Amino acid sequence: MSNAGKSFFSAALCRIFFEDGYSCAPFKSQNMALNSYITSEGLEMGRAQAMQAEAACTEPSVLMNPILLKPTSDIGSQVIVNGRVRGNMSASEYFKNKRQLIPEIMNAFNELEKKYDIIVIEGAGSPVELNLKADDIVNMGMARLAKAPVLLVGDIDRGGVFAQLLGTLMLLEDDERKMVKGLVVNRFRGDKSLFDDGCRILEEKGGLPVAGVIPYINCDIDDEDSLSEKLENDRHDLINIVVIRLPRISNFTDFDVFSQYDGVSVTYASKPEELLRGDMIIIPGTKSTVSDMKWLRESGIEAAVIRMAGKGIPVLGICGGYQMLGESICDPENTEGGGEIRGMSLLPCSTVFRTEKVRTRINGITESIGGIFSSLSGKAFSGYEIHMGETNVKGKPLLRFENGITDGCFNGNVYGCYVHGFFDSAEISGEIVKRLFDDKGLTFGGSAVSRKDYKESQYRLLADSVRANLDMELIYKILREGI
């Protein structure tokens, strides 16, 4: 099922295989998520597969995620194939046509096969959604196409792991059932020996070996979508950074780095009163800027942000959040639903949507800026842009890229730009945290955090924990024997 830990488990396997001397690549034929990543070629893919590629110590490629669906509404998505936008489709339209994408999927998979020893394929949701199975291209349908043996992962933390695993096996077709070679119980808390009888029952009733009982691992790596537990964090600390939980929030992993600092909490707010504890307010990216701007206004959060900014609380917008902080957002070509809406007018800029999506990786330095974060002036950064809008800045720019182009703007303690990954620089995140401490009359005694080094430590932690609780001899036997 969704959020059973498939993405993290796949990442762990990718790192384990790399550590054992194999070249390894992740693969997910079709991913539905608003968290995305831009490759070095300027192509868009799901962030989960980019994360898994990092775990495997290989360069992320759109071959690892040939189809990405980014929901634009409850019944429609932007369809991205091989890293490029094909257009917006309703759910019914996409399901009617998705089998036509099988050649694109297999071309991507075959190209990976030429380059890597092992490919770790992740499914999506449940492999036995009976009403969707006829046109499945991501679960057992993909396993058939790739002739891949299957591990079935269940989440014991939420209860019902016997129903998850045994019920899924029961609902598989006979030929699909033969492809499943092992069961994995994920997120077990407590003394694992207390589940020995559980393993015996699963093996007797399922007719398959339990390949592992994986403990609940407190591991901080990029989450795939809005089911992330990070969005439910309600911890307060010396410094509280509040991120607005937009209905179509995207790339919320931009702010993970701040949680690594002692004395700093990152919480997500969906009510005006939840902003009051914020020492800094962040408006993140969104797939539907106009509709989420309406939500901000109707929910009362816009008024709360404006009040907080008026009191000198720093407000920072990234991508869609940057657009909302401006004076107006116009969508003349119906790129994200059409229409025009007034922004918060906290930044002197305005945005017009275009049909061509900006997708690029960039490096640069911050301009000479003012406000609480003036000490960021001249700091180097790297990241990527991914957006549909073109923003006209009337005030002072925030950033300057290597090619001389400027991005973003600032006004007092309000800042905005398009750059995802801007905070990953230890210099930038560390300076922001230090200034927030200073502003409250506190002394920050920690050190700046390198997001890259931190993520590497988390990949090692994940792999070590999974390896210690997974029958790797069985895993390699399954790989050798295939289906």
Protein backbone atom coordinates (compact mmCIF):
# COMPACT_ATOMS: atom_id res chain seq x y z
CA MET A 1 0.00 0.00 0.00
CA SER A 2 1.06 3.62 -0.16
CA ASN A 3 3.59 4.71 2.48
CA ALA A 4 4.56 1.16 3.44
CA GLY A 5 8.21 2.19 3.15
CA LYS A 6 8.88 0.95 -0.39
CA SER A 7 10.93 4.01 -1.37
CA PHE A 8 13.20 3.81 1.68
CA PHE A 9 13.55 0.03 1.40
CA SER A 10 14.48 0.36 -2.27
CA ALA A 11 17.03 3.05 -1.36
CA ALA A 12 18.52 0.73 1.26
CA LEU A 13 18.89 -2.07 -1.31
CA CYS A 14 20.51 0.36 -3.76
CA ARG A 15 23.13 1.34 -1.16
CA ILE A 16 23.70 -2.26 0.00
CA PHE A 17 24.29 -3.48 -3.57
CA PHE A 18 26.69 -0.56 -4.16
CA GLU A 19 28.59 -1.39 -0.98
CA ASP A 20 28.82 -5.00 -2.15
CA GLY A 21 30.54 -3.91 -5.36
CA TYR A 22 27.66 -3.82 -7.83
CA SER A 23 26.59 -0.94 -10.02
CA CYS A 24 22.95 -0.34 -9.22
CA ALA A 25 20.12 1.88 -10.47
CA PRO A 26 16.61 2.51 -9.13
CA PHE A 27 13.59 2.39 -11.43
CA LYS A 28 9.96 3.37 -11.14
CA SER A 29 8.08 3.34 -14.41
CA GLN A 30 5.36 5.72 -13.26
CA ASN A 31 5.54 8.00 -10.26
CA MET A 32 2.83 10.31 -8.96
CA ALA A 33 4.34 13.01 -6.77
CA LEU A 34 4.75 16.76 -6.48
CA ASN A 35 8.31 16.43 -5.21
CA SER A 36 10.49 16.42 -8.30
CA TYR A 37 14.14 16.82 -9.27
CA ILE A 38 15.98 18.33 -12.24
CA THR A 39 18.81 16.29 -13.73
CA SER A 40 22.06 17.71 -15.08
CA GLU A 41 20.45 17.68 -18.55
CA GLY A 42 17.59 19.86 -17.33
CA LEU A 43 15.03 17.03 -17.33
CA GLU A 44 12.42 16.40 -14.63
CA MET A 45 12.02 13.19 -12.61
CA GLY A 46 10.52 12.03 -9.33
CA ARG A 47 12.56 12.99 -6.29
CA ALA A 48 12.28 9.50 -4.79
CA GLN A 49 14.27 7.99 -7.66
CA ALA A 50 16.81 10.83 -7.48
CA MET A 51 17.18 10.03 -3.78
CA GLN A 52 17.60 6.31 -4.54
CA ALA A 53 20.22 7.13 -7.19
CA GLU A 54 22.13 9.13 -4.58
CA ALA A 55 21.93 6.12 -2.28
CA ALA A 56 23.35 3.98 -5.09
CA CYS A 57 26.13 6.57 -5.63
CA THR A 58 25.13 7.11 -9.25
CA GLU A 59 23.92 10.12 -11.23
CA PRO A 60 20.11 10.58 -11.28
CA SER A 61 18.64 10.07 -14.76
CA VAL A 62 15.14 10.33 -16.18
CA LEU A 63 15.65 6.74 -17.38
CA MET A 64 15.01 5.83 -13.74
CA ASN A 65 11.54 7.41 -13.81
CA PRO A 66 10.26 7.72 -17.39
CA ILE A 67 6.73 8.82 -16.39
CA LEU A 68 6.02 11.42 -13.72
CA LEU A 69 2.49 12.54 -12.88
CA LYS A 70 2.16 15.83 -10.99
CA PRO A 71 -1.42 16.29 -9.74
CA THR A 72 -2.93 19.64 -10.71
CA SER A 73 -6.37 18.87 -9.25
CA ASP A 74 -8.26 16.00 -7.64
CA ILE A 75 -8.97 14.51 -11.08
CA GLY A 76 -6.08 15.62 -13.28
CA SER A 77 -2.28 15.72 -13.57
CA GLN A 78 0.52 17.19 -15.57
CA VAL A 79 2.03 14.28 -17.50
CA ILE A 80 5.82 14.29 -17.84
CA VAL A 81 7.43 11.68 -20.12
CA ASN A 82 11.21 11.26 -20.29
CA GLY A 83 11.63 14.46 -18.33
CA ARG A 84 9.50 16.69 -20.57
CA VAL A 85 5.91 17.87 -20.20
CA ARG A 86 3.42 16.12 -22.50
CA GLY A 87 0.50 18.17 -21.22
CA ASN A 88 -2.28 18.06 -18.65
CA MET A 89 -4.67 15.10 -18.64
CA SER A 90 -7.69 14.07 -16.64
CA ALA A 91 -7.37 10.77 -14.78
CA SER A 92 -9.75 9.04 -17.17
CA GLU A 93 -7.87 10.36 -20.22
CA TYR A 94 -4.53 9.20 -18.85
CA PHE A 95 -5.76 5.72 -17.87
CA LYS A 96 -7.27 5.33 -21.33
CA ASN A 97 -3.94 6.04 -23.02
CA LYS A 98 -1.21 4.99 -20.60
CA ARG A 99 -0.51 1.58 -22.18
CA GLN A 100 0.72 3.50 -25.21
CA LEU A 101 3.61 4.61 -23.01
CA ILE A 102 4.94 1.05 -22.54
CA PRO A 103 7.52 1.45 -25.36
CA GLU A 104 8.86 4.58 -23.60
CA ILE A 105 9.05 2.67 -20.31
CA MET A 106 10.82 -0.33 -21.80
CA ASN A 107 13.26 1.83 -23.72
CA ALA A 108 14.26 3.52 -20.46
CA PHE A 109 14.52 0.18 -18.64
CA ASN A 110 16.56 -1.41 -21.43
CA GLU A 111 18.99 1.51 -21.46
CA LEU A 112 19.52 1.09 -17.72
CA GLU A 113 20.04 -2.65 -18.17
CA LYS A 114 22.99 -1.93 -20.46
CA LYS A 115 24.71 0.21 -17.82
CA TYR A 116 24.01 -1.43 -14.45
CA ASP A 117 24.46 -4.83 -12.78
CA ILE A 118 21.27 -4.59 -10.72
CA ILE A 119 18.07 -2.56 -11.13
CA VAL A 120 15.85 -2.09 -8.08
CA ILE A 121 12.29 -1.55 -9.30
CA GLU A 122 9.82 0.14 -6.97
CA GLY A 123 6.09 -0.36 -7.36
CA ALA A 124 3.37 2.17 -6.56
CA GLY A 125 0.67 1.82 -3.93
CA SER A 126 -0.73 -1.71 -3.94
CA PRO A 127 -0.17 -4.37 -6.64
CA VAL A 128 -3.74 -5.63 -6.22
CA GLU A 129 -5.94 -2.62 -6.94
CA LEU A 130 -8.29 -4.88 -8.84
CA ASN A 131 -10.06 -2.12 -10.77
CA LEU A 132 -6.72 -0.84 -12.13
CA LYS A 133 -4.84 -4.07 -12.78
CA ALA A 134 -5.86 -4.53 -16.40
CA ASP A 135 -3.69 -1.60 -17.50
CA ASP A 136 -1.00 -1.84 -14.81
CA ILE A 137 2.40 -0.56 -15.93
CA VAL A 138 4.07 0.00 -12.58
CA ASN A 139 3.47 -2.97 -10.25
CA MET A 140 3.12 -6.61 -11.35
CA GLY A 141 2.66 -5.43 -14.93
CA MET A 142 6.14 -3.88 -14.80
CA ALA A 143 7.57 -6.94 -13.05
CA ARG A 144 6.25 -9.06 -15.94
CA LEU A 145 7.78 -6.75 -18.55
CA ALA A 146 11.14 -6.78 -16.76
CA LYS A 147 10.94 -10.48 -15.83
CA ALA A 148 11.81 -9.42 -12.30
CA PRO A 149 11.43 -11.38 -9.05
CA VAL A 150 9.32 -9.55 -6.48
CA LEU A 151 9.61 -8.76 -2.77
CA LEU A 152 6.37 -7.80 -1.02
CA VAL A 153 6.80 -5.16 1.72
CA GLY A 154 4.22 -4.65 4.48
CA ASP A 155 4.06 -1.95 7.17
CA ILE A 156 3.52 -3.44 10.63
CA ASP A 157 3.64 -0.05 12.35
CA ARG A 158 0.13 0.85 11.21
CA GLY A 159 -1.25 -2.59 12.02
CA GLY A 160 -2.78 -5.22 9.77
CA VAL A 161 0.46 -6.57 8.35
CA PHE A 162 -1.00 -10.09 7.99
CA ALA A 163 -3.91 -8.74 5.98
CA GLN A 164 -1.53 -6.60 3.93
CA LEU A 165 0.82 -9.42 2.98
CA LEU A 166 -1.44 -12.48 2.94
CA GLY A 167 -4.38 -10.56 1.47
CA THR A 168 -2.20 -9.25 -1.33
CA LEU A 169 -0.90 -12.74 -2.10
CA MET A 170 -4.46 -14.06 -2.16
CA LEU A 171 -5.58 -11.42 -4.68
CA LEU A 172 -2.67 -11.92 -7.08
CA GLU A 173 -3.16 -13.98 -10.23
CA ASP A 174 -1.46 -17.40 -10.20
CA ASP A 175 1.31 -16.31 -12.56
CA GLU A 176 1.88 -13.14 -10.53
CA ARG A 177 1.96 -15.11 -7.30
CA LYS A 178 4.82 -17.23 -8.67
CA MET A 179 6.91 -14.10 -9.22
CA VAL A 180 6.82 -13.15 -5.52
CA LYS A 181 9.90 -14.66 -3.87
CA GLY A 182 9.84 -13.21 -0.37
CA LEU A 183 8.01 -11.14 2.23
CA VAL A 184 9.39 -8.20 4.21
CA VAL A 185 7.85 -6.87 7.42
CA ASN A 186 8.75 -3.20 7.69
CA ARG A 187 8.84 -0.67 10.57
CA PHE A 188 8.79 -3.11 13.48
CA ARG A 189 9.12 -1.50 16.92
CA GLY A 190 10.45 -3.35 19.95
CA ASP A 191 11.95 -6.81 20.50
CA LYS A 192 12.02 -8.55 17.11
CA SER A 193 12.01 -12.00 18.72
CA LEU A 194 8.42 -11.31 19.80
CA PHE A 195 7.46 -11.57 16.12
CA ASP A 196 9.00 -15.02 15.60
CA ASP A 197 5.54 -16.58 15.66
CA GLY A 198 4.38 -13.91 13.23
CA CYS A 199 7.09 -14.91 10.77
CA ARG A 200 6.15 -18.57 11.12
CA ILE A 201 2.47 -17.77 10.45
CA LEU A 202 3.32 -15.66 7.40
CA GLU A 203 5.54 -18.38 5.98
CA GLU A 204 3.00 -21.15 6.62
CA LYS A 205 0.00 -19.27 5.25
CA GLY A 206 1.88 -17.42 2.51
CA GLY A 207 4.13 -20.25 1.38
CA LEU A 208 7.03 -17.83 1.09
CA PRO A 209 10.07 -17.02 3.23
CA VAL A 210 10.14 -13.87 5.35
CA ALA A 211 13.27 -12.18 4.03
CA GLY A 212 13.46 -9.77 6.92
CA VAL A 213 11.80 -7.93 9.78
CA ILE A 214 13.07 -4.38 9.44
CA PRO A 215 13.00 -2.18 12.54
CA TYR A 216 11.51 1.28 12.61
CA ILE A 217 14.52 3.36 11.50
CA ASN A 218 14.81 7.01 12.48
CA CYS A 219 16.42 7.95 9.21
CA ASP A 220 16.16 11.40 7.65
CA ILE A 221 16.20 11.18 3.87
CA ASP A 222 14.06 12.84 1.23
CA ASP A 223 10.38 11.87 1.35
CA GLU A 224 8.37 11.34 -1.81
CA ASP A 225 5.04 13.01 -1.23
CA SER A 226 2.57 14.66 1.09
CA LEU A 227 2.10 11.46 3.15
CA SER A 228 5.42 12.31 4.78
CA GLU A 229 5.45 12.17 8.58
CA LYS A 230 7.53 15.37 8.52
CA LEU A 231 4.41 17.34 7.65
CA GLU A 232 2.82 16.24 10.95
CA ASN A 233 5.69 17.34 13.20
CA ASP A 234 4.45 19.60 16.00
CA ARG A 235 7.67 20.00 17.97
CA HIS A 236 8.61 23.47 19.26
CA ASP A 237 12.17 24.57 19.97
CA LEU A 238 14.28 27.66 20.59
CA ILE A 239 13.81 28.66 16.96
CA ASN A 240 10.60 27.72 15.13
CA ILE A 241 10.48 27.77 11.35
CA VAL A 242 6.91 27.48 10.09
CA VAL A 243 6.27 26.26 6.54
CA ILE A 244 2.79 26.83 5.16
CA ARG A 245 1.22 23.51 4.19
CA LEU A 246 -0.31 24.44 0.86
CA PRO A 247 -2.95 22.07 -0.58
CA ARG A 248 -0.67 21.32 -3.57
CA ILE A 249 2.64 21.67 -1.74
CA SER A 250 5.67 20.55 -3.72
CA ASN A 251 9.37 20.07 -3.01
CA PHE A 252 8.94 20.47 0.74
CA THR A 253 12.27 18.66 1.10
CA ASP A 254 13.87 22.08 0.38
CA PHE A 255 13.59 22.81 4.10
CA ASP A 256 14.77 19.52 5.59
CA VAL A 257 18.22 20.93 6.25
CA PHE A 258 16.92 23.21 9.02
CA SER A 259 15.72 20.22 11.05
CA GLN A 260 19.33 19.09 11.33
CA TYR A 261 20.25 22.09 13.51
CA ASP A 262 20.09 21.78 17.29
CA GLY A 263 17.49 24.09 18.76
CA VAL A 264 15.55 24.48 15.49
CA SER A 265 12.15 22.99 14.65
CA VAL A 266 10.41 22.91 11.27
CA THR A 267 6.62 22.61 11.41
CA TYR A 268 3.92 22.79 8.74
CA ALA A 269 0.93 25.07 9.26
CA SER A 270 -2.53 24.96 7.69
CA LYS A 271 -4.27 27.40 10.07
CA PRO A 272 -3.54 31.12 10.68
CA GLU A 273 -2.97 30.68 14.42
CA GLU A 274 -0.21 28.14 13.76
CA LEU A 275 1.91 30.90 12.23
CA LEU A 276 2.07 32.86 15.47
CA ARG A 277 4.90 30.76 16.92
CA GLY A 278 7.06 31.23 13.82
CA ASP A 279 10.45 32.94 13.97
CA MET A 280 10.54 32.61 10.20
CA ILE A 281 7.68 31.88 7.79
CA ILE A 282 8.30 29.95 4.57
CA ILE A 283 5.86 29.70 1.66
CA PRO A 284 6.95 26.64 -0.34
CA GLY A 285 6.46 25.56 -3.93
CA THR A 286 3.12 24.40 -5.29
CA LYS A 287 1.81 22.74 -8.43
CA SER A 288 -1.24 25.04 -8.50
CA THR A 289 -0.15 28.57 -7.65
CA VAL A 290 -3.42 30.36 -8.46
CA SER A 291 -5.69 27.94 -6.59
CA ASP A 292 -3.32 27.78 -3.60
CA MET A 293 -3.21 31.60 -3.52
CA LYS A 294 -7.00 31.56 -3.30
CA TRP A 295 -6.75 29.06 -0.45
CA LEU A 296 -4.26 31.27 1.40
CA ARG A 297 -6.69 34.17 1.12
CA GLU A 298 -9.83 32.25 2.06
CA SER A 299 -8.18 30.44 4.99
CA GLY A 300 -6.97 33.68 6.57
CA ILE A 301 -3.33 32.62 6.30
CA GLU A 302 -2.50 35.40 3.83
CA ALA A 303 -3.62 38.04 6.35
CA ALA A 304 -1.61 36.31 9.07
CA VAL A 305 1.53 36.28 6.88
CA ILE A 306 1.13 39.99 6.11
CA ARG A 307 0.73 40.77 9.82
CA MET A 308 3.81 38.73 10.72
CA ALA A 309 5.85 40.44 7.99
CA GLY A 310 4.67 43.80 9.35
CA LYS A 311 6.12 42.88 12.74
CA GLY A 312 9.50 42.17 11.18
CA ILE A 313 9.25 38.36 11.15
CA PRO A 314 11.23 37.18 8.10
CA VAL A 315 9.11 35.67 5.32
CA LEU A 316 10.67 33.63 2.56
CA GLY A 317 9.03 32.21 -0.58
CA ILE A 318 10.42 29.54 -2.90
CA CYS A 319 9.10 29.01 -6.44
CA GLY A 320 5.28 29.18 -6.21
CA GLY A 321 5.65 30.77 -2.77
CA TYR A 322 7.82 33.47 -4.33
CA GLN A 323 5.14 34.11 -6.96
CA MET A 324 2.47 34.47 -4.25
CA LEU A 325 4.53 37.07 -2.39
CA GLY A 326 4.43 39.31 -5.46
CA GLU A 327 1.78 41.73 -6.67
CA SER A 328 -0.07 39.56 -9.18
CA ILE A 329 -0.17 36.13 -10.81
CA CYS A 330 -1.61 35.84 -14.32
CA ASP A 331 -2.27 32.63 -16.26
CA PRO A 332 -3.42 33.80 -19.71
CA GLU A 333 -2.76 30.49 -21.49
CA ASN A 334 -4.55 28.27 -18.98
CA THR A 335 -1.30 26.64 -17.92
CA GLU A 336 -2.53 25.95 -14.37
CA GLY A 337 -6.25 26.52 -14.71
CA GLY A 338 -6.25 30.08 -16.08
CA GLY A 339 -7.24 33.39 -14.57
CA GLU A 340 -5.51 36.17 -12.71
CA ILE A 341 -5.22 36.80 -9.00
CA ARG A 342 -3.75 39.46 -6.77
CA GLY A 343 -0.71 38.36 -4.77
CA MET A 344 0.27 39.40 -1.26
CA SER A 345 2.17 42.46 -2.55
CA LEU A 346 5.00 41.87 -0.09
CA LEU A 347 7.52 41.80 -2.96
CA PRO A 348 7.74 44.23 -5.90
CA CYS A 349 7.27 41.68 -8.67
CA SER A 350 4.56 40.09 -10.80
CA THR A 351 4.30 36.72 -12.55
CA VAL A 352 2.84 35.62 -15.88
CA PHE A 353 2.58 31.90 -16.62
CA ARG A 354 3.94 30.58 -19.92
CA THR A 355 3.38 27.20 -21.53
CA GLU A 356 7.08 26.34 -21.54
CA LYS A 357 8.38 25.00 -18.24
CA VAL A 358 11.72 26.31 -16.96
CA ARG A 359 13.93 23.34 -16.02
CA THR A 360 17.56 24.06 -15.25
CA ARG A 361 20.31 23.47 -12.73
CA ILE A 362 22.12 26.61 -11.68
CA ASN A 363 24.99 28.00 -9.59
CA GLY A 364 25.52 31.54 -8.40
CA ILE A 365 25.94 33.95 -5.52
CA THR A 366 23.56 36.08 -3.51
CA GLU A 367 23.45 39.78 -4.36
CA SER A 368 24.12 42.55 -1.86
CA ILE A 369 20.91 42.23 0.11
CA GLY A 370 19.35 43.92 3.12
CA GLY A 371 17.12 42.98 6.03
CA ILE A 372 17.75 40.41 8.72
CA PHE A 373 19.67 38.17 6.30
CA SER A 374 22.00 40.85 4.94
CA SER A 375 24.94 38.70 6.06
CA LEU A 376 24.04 36.28 3.27
CA SER A 377 25.37 38.77 0.71
CA GLY A 378 27.95 37.21 -1.59
CA LYS A 379 27.32 33.62 -0.49
CA ALA A 380 27.59 30.86 -3.11
CA PHE A 381 24.73 28.47 -3.80
CA SER A 382 23.65 25.78 -6.23
CA GLY A 383 20.28 24.24 -6.99
CA TYR A 384 17.67 24.02 -9.71
CA GLU A 385 14.68 25.87 -11.08
CA ILE A 386 11.45 24.19 -12.12
CA HIS A 387 8.46 26.42 -12.78
CA MET A 388 5.99 27.64 -15.39
CA GLY A 389 5.99 31.34 -14.47
CA GLU A 390 8.06 34.26 -15.70
CA THR A 391 8.50 36.89 -12.98
CA ASN A 392 9.11 40.56 -13.66
CA VAL A 393 11.08 42.09 -10.78
CA LYS A 394 10.70 45.82 -10.15
CA GLY A 395 12.91 45.92 -7.08
CA LYS A 396 16.37 44.64 -6.14
CA PRO A 397 17.31 41.07 -7.19
CA LEU A 398 18.22 38.46 -4.59
CA LEU A 399 20.54 36.18 -6.57
CA ARG A 400 22.92 36.33 -9.52
CA PHE A 401 23.64 33.22 -11.59
CA GLU A 402 26.99 32.34 -13.18
CA ASN A 403 25.67 33.52 -16.56
CA GLY A 404 24.87 36.94 -15.14
CA ILE A 405 21.09 36.49 -15.01
CA THR A 406 19.46 37.59 -11.77
CA ASP A 407 16.67 35.81 -9.88
CA GLY A 408 14.31 36.64 -7.05
CA CYS A 409 14.01 39.81 -5.04
CA PHE A 410 13.77 41.12 -1.48
CA ASN A 411 11.96 43.86 0.37
CA GLY A 412 12.89 44.45 4.00
CA ASN A 413 12.68 41.05 5.70
CA VAL A 414 10.71 39.43 2.85
CA TYR A 415 12.69 37.33 0.35
CA GLY A 416 11.76 35.20 -2.63
CA CYS A 417 13.40 33.20 -5.44
CA TYR A 418 12.86 30.20 -7.71
CA VAL A 419 15.86 28.15 -6.58
CA HIS A 420 15.17 24.74 -5.05
CA GLY A 421 18.12 23.51 -3.01
CA PHE A 422 19.13 27.06 -2.05
CA PHE A 423 19.33 26.13 1.65
CA ASP A 424 21.46 23.01 1.09
CA SER A 425 24.60 25.15 1.27
CA ALA A 426 26.02 24.94 4.78
CA GLU A 427 27.05 28.59 4.54
CA ILE A 428 23.53 29.74 3.71
CA SER A 429 21.51 27.55 6.09
CA GLY A 430 24.03 28.12 8.87
CA GLU A 431 23.94 31.89 8.46
CA ILE A 432 20.11 31.93 8.44
CA VAL A 433 19.97 29.89 11.65
CA LYS A 434 22.60 32.08 13.32
CA ARG A 435 20.70 35.26 12.45
CA LEU A 436 17.42 33.82 13.76
CA PHE A 437 19.15 33.02 17.06
CA ASP A 438 20.69 36.49 17.19
CA ASP A 439 17.32 38.11 16.53
CA LYS A 440 15.89 36.45 19.64
CA GLY A 441 18.87 37.40 21.77
CA LEU A 442 20.16 33.83 21.80
CA THR A 443 23.59 32.42 21.02
CA PHE A 444 23.86 29.66 18.44
CA GLY A 445 26.56 27.30 19.64
CA GLY A 446 26.32 24.78 16.83
CA SER A 447 28.05 24.59 13.47
CA ALA A 448 26.83 24.86 9.89
CA VAL A 449 25.45 21.64 8.41
CA SER A 450 26.42 20.26 5.00
CA ARG A 451 23.25 18.75 3.58
CA LYS A 452 25.30 16.50 1.29
CA ASP A 453 27.40 15.07 4.12
CA TYR A 454 24.36 14.66 6.33
CA LYS A 455 22.41 12.75 3.65
CA GLU A 456 25.38 10.47 3.11
CA SER A 457 25.41 9.60 6.81
CA GLN A 458 21.68 8.82 6.63
CA TYR A 459 22.10 6.52 3.61
CA ARG A 460 24.75 4.59 5.55
CA LEU A 461 22.49 4.38 8.59
CA LEU A 462 19.60 3.13 6.46
CA ALA A 463 21.68 0.51 4.67
CA ASP A 464 23.36 -0.73 7.85
CA SER A 465 20.02 -1.11 9.64
CA VAL A 466 18.36 -2.94 6.75
CA ARG A 467 21.36 -5.17 6.06
CA ALA A 468 21.47 -6.25 9.72
CA ASN A 469 17.84 -7.36 9.56
CA LEU A 470 17.54 -8.71 6.01
CA ASP A 471 18.55 -12.20 4.86
CA MET A 472 21.05 -11.03 2.22
CA GLU A 473 21.96 -14.60 1.34
CA LEU A 474 18.31 -15.12 0.38
CA ILE A 475 18.23 -11.80 -1.52
CA TYR A 476 21.23 -12.79 -3.65
CA LYS A 477 19.75 -16.26 -4.19
CA ILE A 478 16.56 -14.60 -5.49
CA LEU A 479 18.67 -12.42 -7.82
CA ARG A 480 20.56 -15.41 -9.18
CA GLU A 481 17.47 -17.56 -9.77
CA GLY A 482 15.14 -14.85 -11.09
CA ILE A 483 11.56 -15.84 -11.82
